[in-house]
Amino acid sequence: MHREGKSLIRSFLSRRACRRPSERNRGSILFLAVGAIAVLTILAAGASSVVSQEWKLASFLTDANTSFYDALSTIRVMKQIWVLRSSPLVMSFYDLRTRDLAFGDKVVTLVCYDEQALVPIAHADRSTLLQLPGIVGNEALLNAILATPLYVKEDLLSAEGVTEDVYGQLKGVVTIYGAGRVNINTAAAEAMTAMGAPQALVVRIQQYRAGIDGFEGTADDGVFSDVYHIADVLEPYGLTAAERQWIETTVLAQQLTTGSSAVRFDMTVKKGKKTLRHFLVTVDISTGVILRWDEQ
């Protein structure tokens, strides 16, 4: 029994010794497999990241490119809307009201400004131009401005004597676009004042345009449909003889109109809450010609 016991022990140890290399191999293989999986996981994550970045870039470029066409479509839509109005030759604040137009999964928020609400710097008489903020009686400065070619409004800064401060006062009052007449339905108070309108008349015009609710740009706005009847329309507002004379003189000088041909579109293209592009475009809506195009 003693010899048999020793024999069994030797046999067991011998079998155990034979298994050790195999177990070590299996351990090594397992280690290599885990390492390979880890490497593949890292590579897959990297590839996924690259694909994700490329997809985001492609999506951005697609949205950016289609935003351009959305902006063009917005201009066409608005031109058609204005053509189909009951009075297509009239332009009021209500016509210029802010709108949201949907194009597929994107929305264009549109804010419109009438360029003919401002003083046409290339057409206005000297007496009007000399009353403009930033110029006011400065003949030398006015001469410098009139001698400067103006292709965009910022060209005013090229005129001798036009500082950033002067330009800041002028830019919201003058325009380089339009046919030379100021739209009485949208005219800025500063523009009417520069044209010599009595302050009380400016207030009366604004009151009429604001309508019953007192806000310009709403459905109850008062609208001048004919320059030759401006004085008659304002008569109930207590028009004075001097105010009537100014209206008649300005109309005869062909300085007033009731419509506009030049409109500036401020367009923001969004997809959900994300802003894709911002466009500032000035258009001659009578011809559809784009006068200026800026985008951000």
Protein backbone atom coordinates (compact mmCIF):
# COMPACT_ATOMS: atom_id res chain seq x y z
CA MET A 1 0.00 0.00 0.00
CA HIS A 2 2.82 2.33 0.82
CA ARG A 3 4.46 1.71 -2.55
CA GLU A 4 1.09 2.07 -4.31
CA GLY A 5 0.48 5.39 -2.54
CA LYS A 6 3.81 6.76 -3.61
CA SER A 7 3.14 5.57 -7.13
CA LEU A 8 -0.23 7.40 -7.22
CA ILE A 9 1.37 10.60 -5.94
CA ARG A 10 4.11 10.45 -8.58
CA SER A 11 1.50 9.78 -11.25
CA PHE A 12 -0.61 12.79 -10.11
CA LEU A 13 2.38 15.12 -10.00
CA SER A 14 3.50 13.89 -13.39
CA ARG A 15 0.09 14.65 -14.95
CA ARG A 16 -0.03 18.08 -13.26
CA ALA A 17 3.44 18.92 -14.56
CA CYS A 18 2.34 17.97 -18.07
CA ARG A 19 -0.64 20.36 -17.87
CA ARG A 20 1.26 23.47 -16.83
CA PRO A 21 2.63 24.46 -20.27
CA SER A 22 -0.86 24.12 -21.79
CA GLU A 23 -2.41 26.29 -19.09
CA ARG A 24 0.31 28.88 -19.54
CA ASN A 25 -0.36 28.92 -23.28
CA ARG A 26 -4.06 29.37 -22.68
CA GLY A 27 -3.32 32.30 -20.35
CA SER A 28 -1.09 33.93 -22.95
CA ILE A 29 -3.69 33.46 -25.66
CA LEU A 30 -6.37 34.93 -23.40
CA PHE A 31 -4.14 37.95 -22.64
CA LEU A 32 -3.44 38.50 -26.35
CA ALA A 33 -7.14 38.19 -27.17
CA VAL A 34 -8.11 40.77 -24.55
CA GLY A 35 -5.37 43.09 -25.84
CA ALA A 36 -6.52 42.66 -29.43
CA ILE A 37 -10.10 43.42 -28.45
CA ALA A 38 -8.96 46.56 -26.64
CA VAL A 39 -6.96 47.72 -29.69
CA LEU A 40 -9.87 47.03 -32.02
CA THR A 41 -12.19 48.90 -29.68
CA ILE A 42 -9.89 51.95 -29.72
CA LEU A 43 -9.57 51.81 -33.51
CA ALA A 44 -13.32 51.45 -33.89
CA ALA A 45 -13.89 54.40 -31.57
CA GLY A 46 -11.40 56.47 -33.56
CA ALA A 47 -12.99 55.51 -36.86
CA SER A 48 -16.42 56.28 -35.44
CA SER A 49 -15.18 59.69 -34.29
CA VAL A 50 -13.75 60.46 -37.74
CA VAL A 51 -16.96 59.35 -39.44
CA SER A 52 -19.00 61.43 -36.99
CA GLN A 53 -16.86 64.51 -37.65
CA GLU A 54 -17.08 63.99 -41.41
CA TRP A 55 -20.83 63.56 -41.17
CA LYS A 56 -21.17 66.74 -39.12
CA LEU A 57 -19.02 68.63 -41.62
CA ALA A 58 -21.04 67.31 -44.56
CA SER A 59 -24.26 68.21 -42.75
CA PHE A 60 -22.95 71.72 -42.01
CA LEU A 61 -21.89 72.28 -45.62
CA THR A 62 -25.23 70.97 -46.88
CA ASP A 63 -27.18 73.23 -44.52
CA ALA A 64 -24.96 76.19 -45.45
CA ASN A 65 -25.42 75.62 -49.18
CA THR A 66 -29.16 75.07 -48.97
CA SER A 67 -29.50 78.14 -46.72
CA PHE A 68 -28.34 80.25 -49.67
CA TYR A 69 -31.21 78.91 -51.78
CA ASP A 70 -33.63 79.36 -48.88
CA ALA A 71 -32.64 83.04 -48.80
CA LEU A 72 -33.20 83.39 -52.54
CA SER A 73 -36.56 81.63 -52.22
CA THR A 74 -37.55 83.99 -49.41
CA ILE A 75 -36.93 87.00 -51.65
CA ARG A 76 -38.99 85.47 -54.45
CA VAL A 77 -41.83 84.60 -52.06
CA MET A 78 -41.95 88.12 -50.63
CA LYS A 79 -41.88 89.71 -54.08
CA GLN A 80 -44.82 87.53 -55.09
CA ILE A 81 -46.71 88.33 -51.88
CA TRP A 82 -46.29 92.05 -52.49
CA VAL A 83 -47.30 91.77 -56.15
CA LEU A 84 -50.56 90.05 -55.17
CA ARG A 85 -51.61 92.78 -52.70
CA SER A 86 -54.67 94.89 -53.43
CA SER A 87 -52.37 97.93 -53.70
CA PRO A 88 -49.06 96.54 -55.02
CA LEU A 89 -47.59 100.01 -55.59
CA VAL A 90 -47.98 100.96 -51.92
CA MET A 91 -45.48 99.92 -49.25
CA SER A 92 -46.41 100.25 -45.58
CA PHE A 93 -44.99 99.09 -42.26
CA TYR A 94 -47.60 96.34 -42.23
CA ASP A 95 -46.25 95.03 -45.54
CA LEU A 96 -42.77 95.06 -43.97
CA ARG A 97 -43.79 93.18 -40.82
CA THR A 98 -41.60 90.35 -39.50
CA ARG A 99 -42.42 86.93 -40.89
CA ASP A 100 -41.33 83.31 -40.38
CA LEU A 101 -41.23 81.29 -43.61
CA ALA A 102 -40.76 77.50 -43.54
CA PHE A 103 -38.62 75.69 -46.13
CA GLY A 104 -38.57 71.96 -45.39
CA ASP A 105 -36.94 71.45 -41.98
CA LYS A 106 -35.64 75.04 -41.87
CA VAL A 107 -37.30 78.34 -40.98
CA VAL A 108 -36.30 81.76 -42.28
CA THR A 109 -37.05 84.67 -39.94
CA LEU A 110 -37.45 87.74 -42.12
CA VAL A 111 -37.24 91.37 -41.03
CA CYS A 112 -37.72 93.98 -43.78
CA TYR A 113 -36.61 97.60 -43.98
CA ASP A 114 -37.67 100.11 -46.59
CA GLU A 115 -34.61 101.87 -48.01
CA GLN A 116 -36.94 104.59 -49.30
CA ALA A 117 -37.82 105.50 -45.74
CA LEU A 118 -34.47 107.32 -45.75
CA VAL A 119 -33.04 110.38 -47.48
CA PRO A 120 -31.63 109.48 -50.93
CA ILE A 121 -28.19 111.04 -50.66
CA ALA A 122 -27.60 111.09 -54.42
CA HIS A 123 -30.95 112.76 -55.24
CA ALA A 124 -31.90 115.01 -52.30
CA ASP A 125 -31.45 118.77 -52.62
CA ARG A 126 -28.62 120.51 -50.77
CA SER A 127 -30.93 122.16 -48.25
CA THR A 128 -32.14 118.70 -47.18
CA LEU A 129 -28.64 117.20 -47.05
CA LEU A 130 -27.37 120.12 -44.96
CA GLN A 131 -29.96 119.25 -42.31
CA LEU A 132 -28.81 115.66 -41.94
CA PRO A 133 -27.36 114.55 -38.58
CA GLY A 134 -23.58 114.62 -38.73
CA ILE A 135 -23.58 117.24 -41.51
CA VAL A 136 -25.86 120.05 -40.28
CA GLY A 137 -24.71 123.13 -42.15
CA ASN A 138 -21.21 121.84 -42.92
CA GLU A 139 -20.86 122.80 -46.59
CA ALA A 140 -17.29 121.51 -46.92
CA LEU A 141 -18.24 118.11 -45.51
CA LEU A 142 -21.26 117.86 -47.81
CA ASN A 143 -19.14 118.72 -50.84
CA ALA A 144 -16.66 116.00 -49.87
CA ILE A 145 -19.47 113.47 -49.56
CA LEU A 146 -21.05 114.41 -52.90
CA ALA A 147 -17.65 114.09 -54.59
CA THR A 148 -17.20 110.54 -53.29
CA PRO A 149 -18.45 107.59 -55.41
CA LEU A 150 -20.91 105.64 -53.29
CA TYR A 151 -21.33 102.00 -54.26
CA VAL A 152 -22.21 100.90 -50.74
CA LYS A 153 -23.16 103.03 -47.77
CA GLU A 154 -19.83 102.35 -46.08
CA ASP A 155 -18.14 104.33 -48.87
CA LEU A 156 -19.21 107.43 -46.94
CA LEU A 157 -16.24 106.71 -44.69
CA SER A 158 -13.97 107.41 -47.68
CA ALA A 159 -15.15 111.01 -47.86
CA GLU A 160 -12.76 113.50 -46.30
CA GLY A 161 -14.05 114.58 -42.92
CA VAL A 162 -16.44 111.65 -42.40
CA THR A 163 -15.35 110.11 -39.12
CA GLU A 164 -16.80 107.04 -37.47
CA ASP A 165 -18.95 109.37 -35.36
CA VAL A 166 -20.29 111.24 -38.40
CA TYR A 167 -20.96 107.97 -40.20
CA GLY A 168 -22.76 106.61 -37.14
CA GLN A 169 -25.14 109.59 -37.27
CA LEU A 170 -25.67 109.36 -41.04
CA LYS A 171 -26.03 105.64 -41.73
CA GLY A 172 -29.51 105.29 -40.25
CA VAL A 173 -30.88 108.35 -42.06
CA VAL A 174 -29.56 108.13 -45.64
CA THR A 175 -29.68 105.60 -48.46
CA ILE A 176 -27.83 105.15 -51.71
CA TYR A 177 -30.72 103.15 -53.20
CA GLY A 178 -34.15 103.98 -54.53
CA ALA A 179 -35.53 106.27 -57.20
CA GLY A 180 -34.98 109.50 -55.27
CA ARG A 181 -38.29 109.83 -53.45
CA VAL A 182 -39.07 109.20 -49.78
CA ASN A 183 -41.95 106.85 -48.97
CA ILE A 184 -44.42 108.79 -46.80
CA ASN A 185 -45.80 105.48 -45.47
CA THR A 186 -42.48 104.45 -43.90
CA ALA A 187 -40.45 107.68 -43.78
CA ALA A 188 -38.17 107.96 -40.75
CA ALA A 189 -38.81 110.98 -38.53
CA GLU A 190 -35.21 112.17 -39.09
CA ALA A 191 -35.69 111.99 -42.86
CA MET A 192 -38.88 114.08 -42.77
CA THR A 193 -37.26 116.59 -40.43
CA ALA A 194 -34.25 116.95 -42.73
CA MET A 195 -36.67 117.56 -45.60
CA GLY A 196 -38.07 120.51 -43.67
CA ALA A 197 -41.27 119.00 -42.31
CA PRO A 198 -42.56 120.82 -39.19
CA GLN A 199 -42.14 118.65 -36.08
CA ALA A 200 -45.88 118.71 -35.37
CA LEU A 201 -46.55 117.37 -38.89
CA VAL A 202 -44.08 114.54 -38.39
CA VAL A 203 -46.02 113.56 -35.26
CA ARG A 204 -49.36 113.71 -37.11
CA ILE A 205 -48.03 111.47 -39.89
CA GLN A 206 -46.77 108.95 -37.36
CA GLN A 207 -50.09 109.01 -35.49
CA TYR A 208 -52.03 108.34 -38.67
CA ARG A 209 -49.72 105.50 -39.72
CA ALA A 210 -49.94 103.86 -36.26
CA GLY A 211 -53.73 103.48 -36.45
CA ILE A 212 -56.07 102.92 -33.52
CA ASP A 213 -53.73 100.62 -31.57
CA GLY A 214 -50.92 103.19 -31.70
CA PHE A 215 -48.37 100.78 -33.20
CA GLU A 216 -46.93 100.91 -36.70
CA GLY A 217 -46.73 97.58 -38.48
CA THR A 218 -50.12 96.16 -37.45
CA ALA A 219 -53.28 95.42 -39.42
CA ASP A 220 -55.03 98.68 -38.49
CA ASP A 221 -52.24 100.92 -39.83
CA GLY A 222 -53.23 104.07 -41.66
CA VAL A 223 -51.84 103.99 -45.20
CA PHE A 224 -51.40 106.81 -47.70
CA SER A 225 -52.40 105.46 -51.11
CA ASP A 226 -51.84 108.64 -53.12
CA VAL A 227 -49.37 111.48 -52.50
CA TYR A 228 -51.86 114.01 -53.86
CA HIS A 229 -54.28 113.26 -51.01
CA ILE A 230 -51.84 113.27 -48.07
CA ALA A 231 -53.08 116.65 -46.85
CA ASP A 232 -56.74 115.62 -47.13
CA VAL A 233 -56.11 112.41 -45.16
CA LEU A 234 -54.34 114.34 -42.38
CA GLU A 235 -56.94 117.13 -42.18
CA PRO A 236 -58.83 115.44 -39.29
CA TYR A 237 -55.58 115.48 -37.29
CA GLY A 238 -55.60 119.28 -37.15
CA LEU A 239 -53.45 120.11 -40.16
CA THR A 240 -52.24 123.71 -40.20
CA ALA A 241 -51.83 125.91 -43.27
CA ALA A 242 -48.02 125.76 -42.98
CA GLU A 243 -48.10 121.97 -42.76
CA ARG A 244 -50.37 121.71 -45.77
CA GLN A 245 -48.05 124.00 -47.71
CA TRP A 246 -45.04 121.82 -46.90
CA ILE A 247 -46.88 118.72 -48.12
CA GLU A 248 -47.99 120.35 -51.36
CA THR A 249 -44.55 121.84 -52.07
CA THR A 250 -42.77 118.54 -51.39
CA VAL A 251 -45.20 116.59 -53.55
CA LEU A 252 -44.84 119.03 -56.44
CA ALA A 253 -41.04 118.74 -56.14
CA GLN A 254 -41.51 114.97 -56.57
CA GLN A 255 -39.78 114.21 -53.29
CA LEU A 256 -42.50 111.96 -51.87
CA THR A 257 -44.01 108.63 -52.90
CA THR A 258 -46.30 106.04 -51.29
CA GLY A 259 -44.36 102.96 -52.36
CA SER A 260 -40.84 101.63 -52.59
CA SER A 261 -38.58 99.82 -55.01
CA ALA A 262 -35.66 99.15 -52.67
CA VAL A 263 -36.10 96.88 -49.65
CA ARG A 264 -33.46 95.45 -47.32
CA PHE A 265 -34.05 91.91 -46.09
CA ASP A 266 -32.54 90.77 -42.79
CA MET A 267 -32.81 86.97 -42.92
CA THR A 268 -31.87 84.40 -40.31
CA VAL A 269 -32.00 80.74 -41.37
CA LYS A 270 -32.57 78.27 -38.53
CA LYS A 271 -32.88 74.51 -38.22
CA GLY A 272 -34.63 73.86 -34.96
CA LYS A 273 -32.91 76.09 -32.41
CA LYS A 274 -29.66 76.16 -34.39
CA THR A 275 -28.86 79.27 -36.45
CA LEU A 276 -27.37 78.23 -39.80
CA ARG A 277 -26.80 81.49 -41.68
CA HIS A 278 -27.60 85.19 -41.53
CA PHE A 279 -28.13 87.25 -44.69
CA LEU A 280 -28.48 90.98 -45.30
CA VAL A 281 -29.76 91.53 -48.83
CA THR A 282 -30.96 94.71 -50.54
CA VAL A 283 -33.25 94.14 -53.51
CA ASP A 284 -34.89 96.27 -56.16
CA ILE A 285 -38.29 94.63 -55.84
CA SER A 286 -39.62 96.25 -59.00
CA THR A 287 -37.08 94.33 -61.10
CA GLY A 288 -35.91 91.57 -58.74
CA VAL A 289 -32.29 92.72 -59.09
CA ILE A 290 -30.14 92.12 -56.00
CA LEU A 291 -28.37 95.38 -55.16
CA ARG A 292 -26.29 94.08 -52.28
CA TRP A 293 -25.66 90.69 -50.68
CA ASP A 294 -23.95 90.16 -47.32
CA GLU A 295 -23.90 86.90 -45.38
CA GLN A 296 -22.55 85.67 -42.08
